[in-house]
Amino acid sequence: MTQLQSPAVGPSTGPALTADEREELLRLRRENEALRTAEPRPRRKFRWRSLLATVLIVLGCVLAPVAGVSVWVHNQVSDTERFVRTMGPLVDDPDVQNALTNRLTATVFQYVDVKGLADEAVAALAAQGLPPQIADRLGTLTPTLASAVTGFAHDKIAELVASPAFASAWNQAITVAHRQMVTLLSGESKGVVIRGDTVYLDLAPFIGLVKERLSDAGLTAVDLVPEVHPTVALAKADTLVRAQSAYSTLDAVASVLPWVVLLLLAVGVYLSRNRFRALVGTGLGIVLAMLFLGASLLVARSMLTGAVPAAAAPATASGFDIVVTYLRLGLRALAVLGLVLALAGFLAGRSESAVRIRRWTSDHLHGIRGGPSGDSRVATFVRTHLRVLRIGAVAVAVLAFVFMEQPTGGSILVIAALLLVALAVIEFLARPATPEIEVADDAESTRAAVPPAPASAAVPPAPREGPDVSASR
């Protein structure tokens, strides 16, 4: 049997190709031709839009604490009611009350020398014929008498400082002081004065109240106290100078910066390729920014208490906590808002977990659905306007947050919970219609899907009639 030889290719004198080698060569040629004729894969372009979105979101999260602090400072400077609500609780703090009591007591006995008065009384009695032995014994009791009077006065002043009358005087004093803030910044204030490089608060109104209370208690010697103006140091004068230069721009910054932050975050989310993922990043960024602000407040509190004497540290720490109360409430509210935004972006996203959660929720709502038929007017209306109703529910929740005077973390959680309930009710009411026509359509499609059998296959040929050949045989 003759073996077939494959024809030589070109002038090569090498051995002929086998069948397997020829098949491999043909396969490689086909692949090479396919690669040549295939369209080149477009290079992935660098997306400046995604980069810009990331930059805007990061910048908005970084500026969020600055906006919060500017709004808080603006409220303390320009809003008298907010300032009184912030500074009013200071007088109810025990550490602050103790510091005020000590300062007022020292001021009273700076002008009332009880020991000197007692010594003068003993000397006068001795001059009137009091036996020297008795006068000497009375002279040894004058320090004890002075200490007892000082303790009595201290207790009475402490009762006064803790009384509602003192709290009312305190609120009135800080109200007047705040209303004179512009006068202070112009250097013409009388309630708050500057001496040297320090700003002082005048305590003259409280001295008058103390004199009246001690006189009613029987210590009429306080009438010897003249009209004095003891002061309490508030801040350094250079701080006031910086405040004067910054006061003109504070109102504009506090009014514009929060809207700038909101615009940066909104545009960043809008420009992102995956907006739901960007919303999650925005929420977590706000949370991190608020945590940084809270940590900064703790550091500032520690530095402030460390800069004062140990005896004044408790009052300073309590005062700092009271003063920054509204700032802490604001940062907690923004932190909760960030968590809500992150959770909303996750649940509305395209991840497998989010899709599974939405499907599970929808299945359970469909499972427990009862009441009217899906062909009712309510179900038809909700099903027709489903998207509009969802957007409207979210818009109402956003407006409720925006127009809330003092939003807190609890109020934000309540708004988010009510929004979830509203969305669940909308999904619950959007009943599907009765699937009667769908059954008929399924039957028609089933019939159309099966092609008709040919006539020869559907009807077998009838047997030929005639005499039975086998029977005849």
Protein backbone atom coordinates (compact mmCIF):
# COMPACT_ATOMS: atom_id res chain seq x y z
CA MET A 1 0.00 0.00 0.00
CA THR A 2 1.52 3.29 -1.06
CA GLN A 3 1.88 5.96 1.70
CA LEU A 4 0.52 9.35 0.71
CA GLN A 5 3.06 12.16 1.00
CA SER A 6 2.01 15.75 1.61
CA PRO A 7 3.32 18.18 -0.98
CA ALA A 8 6.36 20.17 0.00
CA VAL A 9 5.89 23.80 0.74
CA GLY A 10 8.30 26.09 -1.14
CA PRO A 11 11.81 25.05 -2.00
CA SER A 12 12.40 23.44 1.40
CA THR A 13 13.99 20.02 1.18
CA GLY A 14 12.94 19.01 4.73
CA PRO A 15 10.65 16.13 5.61
CA ALA A 16 6.99 16.33 4.65
CA LEU A 17 4.37 17.38 7.20
CA THR A 18 2.29 14.74 8.85
CA ALA A 19 -1.48 15.01 9.09
CA ASP A 20 -1.35 16.16 12.72
CA GLU A 21 1.26 18.79 11.96
CA ARG A 22 -0.74 20.05 8.99
CA GLU A 23 -3.85 20.32 11.18
CA GLU A 24 -1.92 22.25 13.85
CA LEU A 25 -0.52 24.59 11.20
CA LEU A 26 -3.96 25.31 9.79
CA ARG A 27 -5.31 25.98 13.29
CA LEU A 28 -2.52 28.46 14.01
CA ARG A 29 -3.14 30.20 10.70
CA ARG A 30 -6.84 30.56 11.48
CA GLU A 31 -6.08 32.00 14.91
CA ASN A 32 -3.56 34.41 13.42
CA GLU A 33 -6.06 35.56 10.83
CA ALA A 34 -8.74 36.00 13.48
CA LEU A 35 -6.40 38.11 15.61
CA ARG A 36 -5.53 40.28 12.62
CA THR A 37 -9.12 40.90 11.61
CA ALA A 38 -10.42 41.43 15.19
CA GLU A 39 -11.07 45.02 16.27
CA PRO A 40 -8.50 46.35 18.74
CA ARG A 41 -9.76 46.60 22.34
CA PRO A 42 -10.18 50.26 23.26
CA ARG A 43 -7.83 51.47 25.97
CA ARG A 44 -9.49 52.30 29.23
CA LYS A 45 -9.47 56.06 29.52
CA PHE A 46 -8.67 57.82 32.75
CA ARG A 47 -11.92 59.11 34.20
CA TRP A 48 -11.44 62.69 35.34
CA ARG A 49 -15.09 62.75 36.37
CA SER A 50 -14.55 60.06 39.01
CA LEU A 51 -11.43 61.82 40.28
CA LEU A 52 -13.30 65.12 40.54
CA ALA A 53 -16.17 63.43 42.40
CA THR A 54 -13.75 61.91 44.92
CA VAL A 55 -12.01 65.25 45.48
CA LEU A 56 -15.32 67.05 46.03
CA ILE A 57 -16.57 64.46 48.54
CA VAL A 58 -13.30 64.47 50.49
CA LEU A 59 -13.21 68.29 50.52
CA GLY A 60 -16.81 68.45 51.73
CA CYS A 61 -16.12 65.98 54.56
CA VAL A 62 -13.01 67.93 55.61
CA LEU A 63 -14.92 71.23 55.68
CA ALA A 64 -17.88 69.76 57.58
CA PRO A 65 -16.30 70.20 61.07
CA VAL A 66 -15.20 73.73 60.15
CA ALA A 67 -18.75 74.58 59.11
CA GLY A 68 -20.14 73.13 62.34
CA VAL A 69 -17.76 75.12 64.53
CA SER A 70 -18.40 78.34 62.58
CA VAL A 71 -22.17 77.98 62.97
CA TRP A 72 -21.78 77.29 66.70
CA VAL A 73 -19.54 80.31 67.23
CA HIS A 74 -21.89 82.49 65.19
CA ASN A 75 -24.84 81.42 67.31
CA GLN A 76 -22.96 82.19 70.51
CA VAL A 77 -21.90 85.62 69.28
CA SER A 78 -24.99 86.85 67.49
CA ASP A 79 -27.92 85.05 69.15
CA THR A 80 -28.58 86.38 72.65
CA GLU A 81 -31.14 83.71 73.50
CA ARG A 82 -28.78 80.93 72.44
CA PHE A 83 -25.97 82.54 74.43
CA VAL A 84 -28.11 82.73 77.57
CA ARG A 85 -29.26 79.13 77.13
CA THR A 86 -25.60 78.09 76.87
CA MET A 87 -24.14 80.17 79.68
CA GLY A 88 -27.16 80.05 82.03
CA PRO A 89 -26.56 76.47 83.27
CA LEU A 90 -23.08 77.49 84.42
CA VAL A 91 -24.51 78.91 87.63
CA ASP A 92 -26.21 75.58 88.41
CA ASP A 93 -22.95 73.63 88.31
CA PRO A 94 -21.61 72.85 91.85
CA ASP A 95 -17.98 73.57 90.93
CA VAL A 96 -18.88 76.93 89.43
CA GLN A 97 -21.08 77.77 92.43
CA ASN A 98 -18.20 76.98 94.79
CA ALA A 99 -15.80 79.21 92.83
CA LEU A 100 -18.30 82.09 92.81
CA THR A 101 -19.00 81.67 96.54
CA ASN A 102 -15.31 81.84 97.40
CA ARG A 103 -14.77 84.88 95.22
CA LEU A 104 -17.77 86.78 96.62
CA THR A 105 -16.89 85.88 100.22
CA ALA A 106 -13.33 87.09 99.78
CA THR A 107 -14.62 90.33 98.30
CA VAL A 108 -16.97 90.95 101.26
CA PHE A 109 -14.35 90.33 103.94
CA GLN A 110 -11.81 92.38 102.08
CA TYR A 111 -13.76 95.38 103.35
CA VAL A 112 -15.24 93.90 106.56
CA ASP A 113 -12.43 93.14 109.06
CA VAL A 114 -14.33 91.11 111.67
CA LYS A 115 -11.28 90.51 113.86
CA GLY A 116 -10.39 94.21 113.81
CA LEU A 117 -13.92 95.18 114.76
CA ALA A 118 -13.91 92.65 117.62
CA ASP A 119 -10.57 93.90 118.89
CA GLU A 120 -11.87 97.46 118.83
CA ALA A 121 -14.95 96.40 120.79
CA VAL A 122 -12.83 94.66 123.44
CA ALA A 123 -10.57 97.70 123.71
CA ALA A 124 -13.59 99.95 124.12
CA LEU A 125 -14.95 97.74 126.91
CA ALA A 126 -11.59 97.79 128.65
CA ALA A 127 -11.56 101.56 128.44
CA GLN A 128 -14.97 101.62 130.10
CA GLY A 129 -13.67 99.73 133.13
CA LEU A 130 -13.81 96.09 132.06
CA PRO A 131 -11.37 94.08 134.18
CA PRO A 132 -8.12 93.42 132.30
CA GLN A 133 -8.37 89.70 132.96
CA ILE A 134 -11.73 89.49 131.21
CA ALA A 135 -10.56 91.79 128.43
CA ASP A 136 -7.58 89.53 127.76
CA ARG A 137 -9.84 86.47 127.57
CA LEU A 138 -12.17 88.25 125.18
CA GLY A 139 -9.17 89.27 123.05
CA THR A 140 -8.18 85.63 122.63
CA LEU A 141 -11.67 84.86 121.27
CA THR A 142 -11.63 87.42 118.48
CA PRO A 143 -9.90 85.10 115.90
CA THR A 144 -12.47 82.39 116.64
CA LEU A 145 -15.23 84.96 116.30
CA ALA A 146 -13.83 86.14 112.98
CA SER A 147 -13.62 82.57 111.69
CA ALA A 148 -17.18 81.84 112.80
CA VAL A 149 -18.49 84.98 111.13
CA THR A 150 -16.59 84.16 107.95
CA GLY A 151 -18.04 80.63 107.92
CA PHE A 152 -21.52 81.99 108.57
CA ALA A 153 -21.19 84.47 105.73
CA HIS A 154 -19.75 81.81 103.41
CA ASP A 155 -22.73 79.52 104.07
CA LYS A 156 -25.20 82.32 103.47
CA ILE A 157 -23.47 83.33 100.25
CA ALA A 158 -23.46 79.67 99.13
CA GLU A 159 -27.22 79.52 99.74
CA LEU A 160 -27.62 82.72 97.77
CA VAL A 161 -25.54 81.46 94.84
CA ALA A 162 -27.66 78.29 94.70
CA SER A 163 -30.95 80.23 94.92
CA PRO A 164 -33.26 81.08 92.00
CA ALA A 165 -32.74 84.79 92.73
CA PHE A 166 -29.02 84.51 91.99
CA ALA A 167 -29.73 82.46 88.84
CA SER A 168 -32.11 85.20 87.68
CA ALA A 169 -29.49 87.85 88.37
CA TRP A 170 -26.93 85.72 86.54
CA ASN A 171 -29.12 85.40 83.46
CA GLN A 172 -29.86 89.10 83.50
CA ALA A 173 -26.17 89.94 83.79
CA ILE A 174 -25.07 87.68 80.93
CA THR A 175 -27.96 88.92 78.81
CA VAL A 176 -26.85 92.52 79.27
CA ALA A 177 -23.24 91.50 78.69
CA HIS A 178 -24.11 89.76 75.45
CA ARG A 179 -26.18 92.66 74.21
CA GLN A 180 -23.17 94.85 74.83
CA MET A 181 -20.99 92.56 72.73
CA VAL A 182 -20.82 95.03 69.89
CA THR A 183 -19.95 97.77 72.37
CA LEU A 184 -17.26 95.52 73.80
CA LEU A 185 -15.76 94.92 70.38
CA SER A 186 -15.72 98.68 69.83
CA GLY A 187 -13.98 99.22 73.21
CA GLU A 188 -16.83 101.17 74.92
CA SER A 189 -18.31 98.51 77.21
CA LYS A 190 -18.79 99.15 80.94
CA GLY A 191 -19.93 95.67 82.02
CA VAL A 192 -16.89 94.01 80.50
CA VAL A 193 -13.68 95.99 80.81
CA ILE A 194 -10.09 95.65 79.62
CA ARG A 195 -7.18 96.30 81.91
CA GLY A 196 -3.70 95.66 80.67
CA ASP A 197 -3.73 92.55 78.52
CA THR A 198 -6.78 90.89 80.17
CA VAL A 199 -10.55 91.16 79.73
CA TYR A 200 -12.58 91.23 83.00
CA LEU A 201 -16.27 90.76 83.92
CA ASP A 202 -17.58 93.28 86.47
CA LEU A 203 -19.28 91.58 89.49
CA ALA A 204 -20.76 94.78 90.97
CA PRO A 205 -24.40 93.67 90.46
CA PHE A 206 -23.75 90.50 92.46
CA ILE A 207 -22.08 92.39 95.32
CA GLY A 208 -25.23 94.43 95.82
CA LEU A 209 -27.32 91.28 95.93
CA VAL A 210 -24.93 89.69 98.45
CA LYS A 211 -25.08 92.77 100.72
CA GLU A 212 -28.86 92.68 100.69
CA ARG A 213 -29.03 88.96 101.56
CA LEU A 214 -26.45 89.18 104.39
CA SER A 215 -28.10 92.27 105.85
CA ASP A 216 -31.46 90.46 105.94
CA ALA A 217 -29.73 87.56 107.74
CA GLY A 218 -28.57 89.90 110.53
CA LEU A 219 -25.01 90.67 109.42
CA THR A 220 -25.52 94.40 109.15
CA ALA A 221 -21.79 95.01 109.06
CA VAL A 222 -21.90 94.44 105.31
CA ASP A 223 -23.30 97.94 105.03
CA LEU A 224 -19.70 99.04 105.42
CA VAL A 225 -18.90 97.59 102.00
CA PRO A 226 -18.76 100.51 99.57
CA GLU A 227 -19.78 100.42 95.93
CA VAL A 228 -17.06 98.24 94.51
CA HIS A 229 -16.47 96.55 91.21
CA PRO A 230 -14.68 93.22 91.70
CA THR A 231 -13.89 91.48 88.47
CA VAL A 232 -13.30 88.01 87.09
CA ALA A 233 -10.77 87.49 84.32
CA LEU A 234 -12.40 86.25 81.12
CA ALA A 235 -9.72 86.19 78.43
CA LYS A 236 -6.58 87.79 77.15
CA ALA A 237 -6.92 91.14 75.42
CA ASP A 238 -5.08 89.90 72.35
CA THR A 239 -7.85 87.32 71.96
CA LEU A 240 -10.34 90.16 71.97
CA VAL A 241 -8.34 91.98 69.31
CA ARG A 242 -8.41 88.92 67.09
CA ALA A 243 -12.14 88.62 67.75
CA GLN A 244 -12.60 92.23 66.65
CA SER A 245 -10.85 91.53 63.35
CA ALA A 246 -12.80 88.31 62.77
CA TYR A 247 -16.24 89.54 63.85
CA SER A 248 -16.97 91.23 60.52
CA THR A 249 -16.47 87.99 58.55
CA LEU A 250 -17.99 85.51 61.00
CA ASP A 251 -21.58 86.07 59.93
CA ALA A 252 -20.81 85.58 56.24
CA VAL A 253 -18.74 82.44 56.84
CA ALA A 254 -21.35 80.84 59.10
CA SER A 255 -24.10 81.59 56.59
CA VAL A 256 -22.31 80.40 53.44
CA LEU A 257 -19.96 77.59 54.47
CA PRO A 258 -22.61 74.97 55.40
CA TRP A 259 -24.27 75.39 52.00
CA VAL A 260 -20.88 75.13 50.29
CA VAL A 261 -20.24 71.84 52.10
CA LEU A 262 -23.67 70.53 51.12
CA LEU A 263 -23.11 71.55 47.48
CA LEU A 264 -19.70 69.87 47.36
CA LEU A 265 -21.09 66.60 48.69
CA ALA A 266 -24.15 66.67 46.42
CA VAL A 267 -22.12 67.38 43.27
CA GLY A 268 -19.56 64.74 44.25
CA VAL A 269 -22.24 62.09 44.62
CA TYR A 270 -23.89 63.16 41.35
CA LEU A 271 -20.66 62.92 39.35
CA SER A 272 -19.73 59.48 40.71
CA ARG A 273 -20.05 56.42 38.48
CA ASN A 274 -21.65 54.46 41.32
CA ARG A 275 -23.72 57.03 43.19
CA PHE A 276 -24.92 54.68 45.88
CA ARG A 277 -21.36 53.69 46.71
CA ALA A 278 -20.44 57.38 46.75
CA LEU A 279 -23.31 58.02 49.15
CA VAL A 280 -21.93 55.35 51.47
CA GLY A 281 -18.50 56.98 51.32
CA THR A 282 -20.01 60.40 52.00
CA GLY A 283 -21.85 59.16 55.08
CA LEU A 284 -18.80 57.43 56.51
CA GLY A 285 -16.66 60.50 55.75
CA ILE A 286 -19.05 62.71 57.74
CA VAL A 287 -18.90 60.26 60.64
CA LEU A 288 -15.09 60.31 60.63
CA ALA A 289 -15.07 64.11 60.47
CA MET A 290 -17.38 64.37 63.48
CA LEU A 291 -15.27 61.87 65.43
CA PHE A 292 -12.22 64.02 64.72
CA LEU A 293 -14.08 67.11 65.97
CA GLY A 294 -15.11 65.30 69.15
CA ALA A 295 -11.54 64.19 69.79
CA SER A 296 -10.36 67.77 69.24
CA LEU A 297 -12.79 69.00 71.89
CA LEU A 298 -11.41 66.48 74.38
CA VAL A 299 -7.86 67.65 73.66
CA ALA A 300 -8.88 71.30 74.05
CA ARG A 301 -10.59 70.52 77.36
CA SER A 302 -7.49 68.78 78.68
CA MET A 303 -5.22 71.65 77.62
CA LEU A 304 -7.55 74.24 79.17
CA THR A 305 -7.79 72.51 82.53
CA GLY A 306 -4.04 71.98 82.57
CA ALA A 307 -3.39 75.69 82.03
CA VAL A 308 -5.23 76.83 85.20
CA PRO A 309 -4.39 76.21 88.88
CA ALA A 310 -5.46 72.89 90.34
CA ALA A 311 -8.07 74.55 92.56
CA ALA A 312 -9.81 76.09 89.54
CA ALA A 313 -9.54 73.00 87.31
CA PRO A 314 -12.94 71.44 88.28
CA ALA A 315 -14.83 74.68 87.64
CA THR A 316 -12.96 75.21 84.37
CA ALA A 317 -13.73 71.68 83.15
CA SER A 318 -17.42 71.98 84.09
CA GLY A 319 -17.65 75.37 82.43
CA PHE A 320 -16.05 74.06 79.24
CA ASP A 321 -18.47 71.13 79.10
CA ILE A 322 -21.45 73.44 79.52
CA VAL A 323 -20.24 75.97 76.98
CA VAL A 324 -19.70 73.37 74.22
CA THR A 325 -22.97 71.55 74.93
CA TYR A 326 -24.67 72.69 71.71
CA LEU A 327 -21.54 72.01 69.67
CA ARG A 328 -21.44 68.43 70.92
CA LEU A 329 -25.15 67.99 70.23
CA GLY A 330 -24.60 69.24 66.69
CA LEU A 331 -21.68 66.94 65.94
CA ARG A 332 -23.59 63.95 67.33
CA ALA A 333 -26.54 64.81 65.11
CA LEU A 334 -24.29 65.06 62.05
CA ALA A 335 -22.62 61.75 62.95
CA VAL A 336 -26.00 60.03 63.13
CA LEU A 337 -26.97 61.67 59.83
CA GLY A 338 -23.81 60.28 58.25
CA LEU A 339 -24.62 56.79 59.47
CA VAL A 340 -28.15 57.08 58.08
CA LEU A 341 -26.81 58.22 54.68
CA ALA A 342 -24.29 55.38 54.59
CA LEU A 343 -26.98 52.83 55.46
CA ALA A 344 -29.34 54.27 52.85
CA GLY A 345 -26.66 54.13 50.16
CA PHE A 346 -25.85 50.53 51.06
CA LEU A 347 -29.46 49.33 51.06
CA ALA A 348 -30.19 51.07 47.74
CA GLY A 349 -26.96 49.88 46.12
CA ARG A 350 -26.18 47.09 43.71
CA SER A 351 -24.24 44.81 46.00
CA GLU A 352 -25.38 41.22 46.44
CA SER A 353 -26.15 41.74 50.11
CA ALA A 354 -28.29 44.82 49.43
CA VAL A 355 -30.20 43.07 46.66
CA ARG A 356 -30.80 40.07 48.93
CA ILE A 357 -32.09 42.33 51.73
CA ARG A 358 -34.44 44.18 49.39
CA ARG A 359 -35.73 40.94 47.89
CA TRP A 360 -36.28 39.44 51.35
CA THR A 361 -38.18 42.53 52.50
CA SER A 362 -40.28 42.66 49.36
CA ASP A 363 -41.14 38.95 49.60
CA HIS A 364 -42.28 39.31 53.19
CA LEU A 365 -44.40 42.34 52.36
CA HIS A 366 -45.99 40.47 49.50
CA GLY A 367 -46.47 37.47 51.78
CA ILE A 368 -48.35 39.34 54.52
CA ARG A 369 -50.30 41.53 52.10
CA GLY A 370 -54.05 41.30 52.55
CA GLY A 371 -57.08 43.48 52.29
CA PRO A 372 -58.46 44.80 49.00
CA SER A 373 -57.74 43.29 45.64
CA GLY A 374 -54.90 44.41 43.45
CA ASP A 375 -57.46 45.80 41.00
CA SER A 376 -58.77 48.36 43.53
CA ARG A 377 -58.39 52.07 42.94
CA VAL A 378 -55.87 52.50 45.74
CA ALA A 379 -53.61 49.70 44.51
CA THR A 380 -53.88 50.90 40.91
CA PHE A 381 -53.02 54.49 41.88
CA VAL A 382 -50.06 53.49 44.06
CA ARG A 383 -48.77 51.05 41.44
CA THR A 384 -49.03 53.70 38.71
CA HIS A 385 -47.30 56.45 40.72
CA LEU A 386 -44.88 54.24 42.66
CA ARG A 387 -41.73 56.17 41.76
CA VAL A 388 -43.32 59.56 42.45
CA LEU A 389 -44.56 58.41 45.86
CA ARG A 390 -41.12 57.12 46.86
CA ILE A 391 -39.44 60.37 45.84
CA GLY A 392 -42.11 62.34 47.69
CA ALA A 393 -41.58 60.37 50.90
CA VAL A 394 -37.81 60.99 50.77
CA ALA A 395 -38.38 64.70 50.01
CA VAL A 396 -40.69 65.09 53.01
CA ALA A 397 -38.08 63.48 55.28
CA VAL A 398 -35.37 65.81 53.95
CA LEU A 399 -37.56 68.89 54.46
CA ALA A 400 -38.39 67.80 58.01
CA PHE A 401 -34.67 67.64 58.78
CA VAL A 402 -33.83 70.94 57.08
CA PHE A 403 -36.53 72.96 58.84
CA MET A 404 -35.90 71.43 62.26
CA GLU A 405 -34.67 74.18 64.59
CA GLN A 406 -32.27 72.03 66.62
CA PRO A 407 -31.90 68.55 65.09
CA THR A 408 -30.51 65.86 67.35
CA GLY A 409 -29.39 62.30 66.80
CA GLY A 410 -32.66 60.98 68.20
CA SER A 411 -34.80 63.17 65.95
CA ILE A 412 -32.81 62.07 62.89
CA LEU A 413 -33.32 58.41 63.80
CA VAL A 414 -37.06 59.06 64.23
CA ILE A 415 -37.24 60.71 60.79
CA ALA A 416 -35.35 57.79 59.22
CA ALA A 417 -37.63 55.24 60.92
CA LEU A 418 -40.75 57.08 59.76
CA LEU A 419 -39.35 57.19 56.22
CA LEU A 420 -38.78 53.43 56.24
CA VAL A 421 -42.35 52.90 57.47
CA ALA A 422 -43.70 55.17 54.72
CA LEU A 423 -41.74 53.29 52.03
CA ALA A 424 -42.95 49.95 53.42
CA VAL A 425 -46.57 51.15 53.33
CA ILE A 426 -46.14 52.30 49.73
CA GLU A 427 -44.68 48.92 48.78
CA PHE A 428 -47.48 47.18 50.70
CA LEU A 429 -50.23 49.08 48.87
CA ALA A 430 -48.73 48.53 45.41
CA ARG A 431 -50.54 45.20 44.87
CA PRO A 432 -50.08 43.46 41.53
CA ALA A 433 -53.16 43.11 39.34
CA THR A 434 -55.08 39.84 39.08
CA PRO A 435 -53.18 37.66 36.55
CA GLU A 436 -56.21 36.41 34.54
CA ILE A 437 -55.00 37.60 31.16
CA GLU A 438 -51.55 36.30 31.87
CA VAL A 439 -52.89 32.71 32.09
CA ALA A 440 -54.53 33.00 28.66
CA ASP A 441 -51.39 34.50 27.25
CA ASP A 442 -49.39 31.60 28.66
CA ALA A 443 -51.68 29.08 26.97
CA GLU A 444 -51.41 30.90 23.62
CA SER A 445 -47.65 31.06 23.93
CA THR A 446 -47.50 27.37 24.76
CA ARG A 447 -49.50 26.52 21.67
CA ALA A 448 -47.39 28.80 19.54
CA ALA A 449 -44.18 27.34 20.89
CA VAL A 450 -45.04 23.78 19.74
CA PRO A 451 -44.87 23.57 15.93
CA PRO A 452 -47.69 21.61 14.24
CA ALA A 453 -46.76 18.08 13.29
CA PRO A 454 -46.77 17.18 9.57
CA ALA A 455 -49.83 15.48 8.21
CA SER A 456 -47.98 12.28 7.46
CA ALA A 457 -46.75 12.07 11.03
CA ALA A 458 -50.02 13.11 12.64
CA VAL A 459 -52.27 10.69 10.72
CA PRO A 460 -50.87 7.22 9.98
CA PRO A 461 -51.69 5.75 6.58
CA ALA A 462 -54.79 3.55 6.52
CA PRO A 463 -54.23 -0.14 5.78
CA ARG A 464 -54.82 -1.20 2.17
CA GLU A 465 -58.05 -3.04 1.65
CA GLY A 466 -58.00 -6.28 -0.32
CA PRO A 467 -58.00 -10.04 0.01
CA ASP A 468 -55.86 -11.51 2.72
CA VAL A 469 -52.98 -13.16 0.87
CA SER A 470 -51.89 -15.19 3.86
CA ALA A 471 -55.41 -16.51 4.34
CA SER A 472 -55.64 -17.57 0.74
CA ARG A 473 -52.35 -19.35 1.07
